[in-house]
C-alpha atoms as a PDB file:
ATOM      1  CA  MET A   1     -24.053 -11.707 -45.299  1.00  0.00           C
ATOM      2  CA  LYS A   2     -24.136  -7.997 -44.488  1.00  0.00           C
ATOM      3  CA  TRP A   3     -24.487  -6.822 -40.911  1.00  0.00           C
ATOM      4  CA  SER A   4     -24.097  -3.681 -38.875  1.00  0.00           C
ATOM      5  CA  SER A   5     -23.757  -2.842 -35.220  1.00  0.00           C
ATOM      6  CA  ALA A   6     -24.519   0.566 -33.750  1.00  0.00           C
ATOM      7  CA  LEU A   7     -24.579   2.156 -30.331  1.00  0.00           C
ATOM      8  CA  SER A   8     -25.618   5.689 -29.476  1.00  0.00           C
ATOM      9  CA  GLU A   9     -24.962   7.664 -26.341  1.00  0.00           C
ATOM     10  CA  ASN A  10     -27.615  10.228 -27.258  1.00  0.00           C
ATOM     11  CA  PRO A  11     -29.876  10.600 -24.197  1.00  0.00           C
ATOM     12  CA  HIS A  12     -32.998  11.121 -26.366  1.00  0.00           C
ATOM     13  CA  TYR A  13     -34.472   7.964 -27.856  1.00  0.00           C
ATOM     14  CA  GLU A  14     -35.400   9.650 -31.152  1.00  0.00           C
ATOM     15  CA  GLY A  15     -31.877  10.926 -31.769  1.00  0.00           C
ATOM     16  CA  ALA A  16     -30.273   7.709 -30.604  1.00  0.00           C
ATOM     17  CA  LEU A  17     -32.440   5.553 -32.858  1.00  0.00           C
ATOM     18  CA  ASP A  18     -31.975   7.877 -35.827  1.00  0.00           C
ATOM     19  CA  GLU A  19     -28.201   7.783 -35.338  1.00  0.00           C
ATOM     20  CA  CYS A  20     -28.127   3.990 -35.207  1.00  0.00           C
ATOM     21  CA  CYS A  21     -30.450   3.639 -38.195  1.00  0.00           C
ATOM     22  CA  ARG A  22     -28.349   6.033 -40.319  1.00  0.00           C
ATOM     23  CA  LYS A  23     -25.234   4.005 -39.538  1.00  0.00           C
ATOM     24  CA  THR A  24     -27.026   0.781 -40.429  1.00  0.00           C
ATOM     25  CA  GLU A  25     -28.398   2.184 -43.684  1.00  0.00           C
ATOM     26  CA  LYS A  26     -24.935   3.440 -44.660  1.00  0.00           C
ATOM     27  CA  GLU A  27     -23.284   0.091 -43.942  1.00  0.00           C
ATOM     28  CA  ILE A  28     -25.759  -2.429 -45.363  1.00  0.00           C
ATOM     29  CA  LYS A  29     -27.376  -0.314 -48.116  1.00  0.00           C
ATOM     30  CA  SER A  30     -30.505  -2.493 -48.187  1.00  0.00           C
ATOM     31  CA  THR A  31     -33.576  -3.409 -46.162  1.00  0.00           C
ATOM     32  CA  PRO A  32     -32.487  -5.625 -43.266  1.00  0.00           C
ATOM     33  CA  ASP A  33     -33.957  -9.100 -43.011  1.00  0.00           C
ATOM     34  CA  LEU A  34     -33.461  -9.006 -39.247  1.00  0.00           C
ATOM     35  CA  SER A  35     -32.980  -6.226 -36.707  1.00  0.00           C
ATOM     36  CA  LEU A  36     -31.843  -7.081 -33.188  1.00  0.00           C
ATOM     37  CA  LEU A  37     -32.664  -4.238 -30.857  1.00  0.00           C
ATOM     38  CA  PHE A  38     -31.429  -3.795 -27.291  1.00  0.00           C
ATOM     39  CA  VAL A  39     -32.932  -0.763 -25.562  1.00  0.00           C
ATOM     40  CA  SER A  40     -32.133   0.543 -22.107  1.00  0.00           C
ATOM     41  CA  SER A  41     -34.890  -0.032 -19.586  1.00  0.00           C
ATOM     42  CA  HIS A  42     -34.720   3.738 -18.954  1.00  0.00           C
ATOM     43  CA  TYR A  43     -36.775   4.098 -22.154  1.00  0.00           C
ATOM     44  CA  ALA A  44     -39.472   1.601 -21.164  1.00  0.00           C
ATOM     45  CA  LYS A  45     -42.305   4.103 -21.586  1.00  0.00           C
ATOM     46  CA  PHE A  46     -41.160   4.686 -25.193  1.00  0.00           C
ATOM     47  CA  TYR A  47     -40.807   1.040 -26.348  1.00  0.00           C
ATOM     48  CA  ASP A  48     -43.871   1.240 -28.620  1.00  0.00           C
ATOM     49  CA  LYS A  49     -42.652   4.496 -30.178  1.00  0.00           C
ATOM     50  CA  ILE A  50     -39.132   3.103 -30.631  1.00  0.00           C
ATOM     51  CA  LEU A  51     -40.435   0.024 -32.410  1.00  0.00           C
ATOM     52  CA  ALA A  52     -42.718   2.085 -34.658  1.00  0.00           C
ATOM     53  CA  ARG A  53     -39.859   4.461 -35.524  1.00  0.00           C
ATOM     54  CA  LEU A  54     -37.518   1.544 -36.286  1.00  0.00           C
ATOM     55  CA  HIS A  55     -40.092   0.061 -38.679  1.00  0.00           C
ATOM     56  CA  HIS A  56     -40.654   3.460 -40.301  1.00  0.00           C
ATOM     57  CA  ILE A  57     -36.943   4.120 -40.894  1.00  0.00           C
ATOM     58  CA  LEU A  58     -35.339   0.725 -41.612  1.00  0.00           C
ATOM     59  CA  LYS A  59     -38.396  -1.342 -42.567  1.00  0.00           C
ATOM     60  CA  PRO A  60     -36.839  -4.590 -41.295  1.00  0.00           C
ATOM     61  CA  LYS A  61     -38.592  -7.827 -42.212  1.00  0.00           C
ATOM     62  CA  THR A  62     -38.201  -9.169 -38.664  1.00  0.00           C
ATOM     63  CA  VAL A  63     -37.380  -7.512 -35.338  1.00  0.00           C
ATOM     64  CA  ILE A  64     -36.197  -9.206 -32.164  1.00  0.00           C
ATOM     65  CA  GLY A  65     -35.691  -6.932 -29.230  1.00  0.00           C
ATOM     66  CA  CYS A  66     -35.376  -6.755 -25.505  1.00  0.00           C
ATOM     67  CA  SER A  67     -34.721  -4.308 -22.744  1.00  0.00           C
ATOM     68  CA  ALA A  68     -31.167  -4.009 -21.524  1.00  0.00           C
ATOM     69  CA  GLY A  69     -29.814  -3.161 -18.102  1.00  0.00           C
ATOM     70  CA  GLY A  70     -26.414  -2.353 -19.623  1.00  0.00           C
ATOM     71  CA  ALA A  71     -24.991  -1.666 -23.020  1.00  0.00           C
ATOM     72  CA  PHE A  72     -22.412  -3.477 -25.076  1.00  0.00           C
ATOM     73  CA  ALA A  73     -20.734  -2.663 -28.359  1.00  0.00           C
ATOM     74  CA  PRO A  74     -17.715  -3.472 -30.510  1.00  0.00           C
ATOM     75  CA  ALA A  75     -14.312  -2.890 -28.912  1.00  0.00           C
ATOM     76  CA  SER A  76     -14.205   0.641 -30.284  1.00  0.00           C
ATOM     77  CA  GLY A  77     -17.391   1.628 -28.439  1.00  0.00           C
ATOM     78  CA  PRO A  78     -18.299   2.078 -24.786  1.00  0.00           C
ATOM     79  CA  ILE A  79     -19.314  -0.755 -22.540  1.00  0.00           C
ATOM     80  CA  GLN A  80     -21.667  -0.013 -19.670  1.00  0.00           C
ATOM     81  CA  CYS A  81     -22.988  -2.359 -17.042  1.00  0.00           C
END
C-alpha cells in the first residue's frame, strides 16, 4: 500500500493545496484511491473551492475530509494546536 502525508504552512489555500498535492503525486505516482483532507477552519469559506481543486489535481476516487482546529503532521513537521 502506498501512502503520503503532507502539510503546508502556506497561508493561501491554493498554494498550500498545490504544495501538498505535488508532494503526494511525487510519492505515490498514481491516482489515490482515498484522500483524507484536514483543512483549517480559517479556510471555511473556501471549502468548496478546495475540494474542487483537490479533485482537479489528484483525481482521488474517494475523499474524506473535515475541518481542523489544529494541525498535525509527521515528527519532522510542525504541530499546532
